[in-house]
Amino acid sequence: MAWTIKTIPMKPISRRSCVQRQSAKKLHFYQKSNALYVITYYFTQNYLSRGDRTIDQMVQAARSGKGF
């Protein structure tokens, strides 16, 4: 019995969809999450001791936008 792999036809990416992705930085949510990331990064670098695992966890949570 031979296995066959079906290929899914891909739609070409239109120029319009690329333009929409570039304007994501103007979104209110993106600006808030970016500010949260910058504040968290500054706090962890200046107020927590080096080599602390908490630093990596806090920065990663802020980067993914799940810190709030």
Protein backbone atom coordinates (compact mmCIF):
# COMPACT_ATOMS: atom_id res chain seq x y z
CA MET A 1 0.00 0.00 0.00
CA ALA A 2 1.54 3.29 -1.10
CA TRP A 3 1.01 6.55 0.68
CA THR A 4 0.23 9.63 -1.33
CA ILE A 5 0.59 13.20 -0.18
CA LYS A 6 -1.98 15.68 -1.38
CA THR A 7 -0.70 19.10 -2.23
CA ILE A 8 -2.79 22.08 -1.30
CA PRO A 9 -2.85 24.83 -3.90
CA MET A 10 -1.49 28.05 -2.46
CA LYS A 11 -3.03 31.42 -3.18
CA PRO A 12 -0.55 34.06 -4.24
CA ILE A 13 0.01 36.77 -1.66
CA SER A 14 -1.52 39.98 -2.85
CA ARG A 15 0.16 43.33 -2.40
CA ARG A 16 -2.83 44.49 -0.36
CA SER A 17 -2.29 41.85 2.34
CA CYS A 18 1.36 42.88 2.67
CA VAL A 19 0.37 46.51 3.12
CA GLN A 20 -2.11 45.55 5.83
CA ARG A 21 0.62 43.76 7.78
CA GLN A 22 2.88 46.80 7.68
CA SER A 23 0.25 48.99 9.28
CA ALA A 24 -0.03 46.71 12.35
CA LYS A 25 2.36 49.01 14.23
CA LYS A 26 -0.33 51.69 14.16
CA LEU A 27 -2.77 49.52 16.10
CA HIS A 28 -3.57 50.59 19.65
CA PHE A 29 -2.99 47.07 21.03
CA TYR A 30 0.42 46.80 19.36
CA GLN A 31 1.52 50.15 20.80
CA LYS A 32 0.40 49.15 24.31
CA SER A 33 2.07 45.74 24.16
CA ASN A 34 5.28 47.27 22.79
CA ALA A 35 5.33 49.82 25.64
CA LEU A 36 4.82 46.98 28.12
CA TYR A 37 7.74 45.07 26.60
CA VAL A 38 10.06 48.09 26.77
CA ILE A 39 9.14 48.82 30.40
CA THR A 40 9.57 45.16 31.40
CA TYR A 41 12.92 44.91 29.64
CA TYR A 42 14.19 48.08 31.33
CA PHE A 43 12.99 46.91 34.74
CA THR A 44 14.56 43.46 34.45
CA GLN A 45 17.90 44.82 33.24
CA ASN A 46 18.16 47.49 35.94
CA TYR A 47 16.47 46.08 39.04
CA LEU A 48 16.90 42.30 38.99
CA SER A 49 20.18 40.49 39.58
CA ARG A 50 22.04 39.13 36.58
CA GLY A 51 21.62 35.43 35.85
CA ASP A 52 18.18 35.33 37.46
CA ARG A 53 15.79 33.04 35.61
CA THR A 54 12.96 35.44 36.37
CA ILE A 55 14.46 37.92 33.91
CA ASP A 56 14.06 35.55 30.98
CA GLN A 57 10.53 34.61 32.01
CA MET A 58 9.37 38.19 32.40
CA VAL A 59 10.90 39.34 29.12
CA GLN A 60 9.43 36.38 27.24
CA ALA A 61 5.97 37.00 28.71
CA ALA A 62 6.15 40.66 27.74
CA ARG A 63 7.37 39.78 24.26
CA SER A 64 4.44 37.44 23.67
CA GLY A 65 1.97 40.03 24.96
CA LYS A 66 0.60 37.77 27.68
CA GLY A 67 1.85 39.75 30.64
CA PHE A 68 -1.43 41.55 31.22
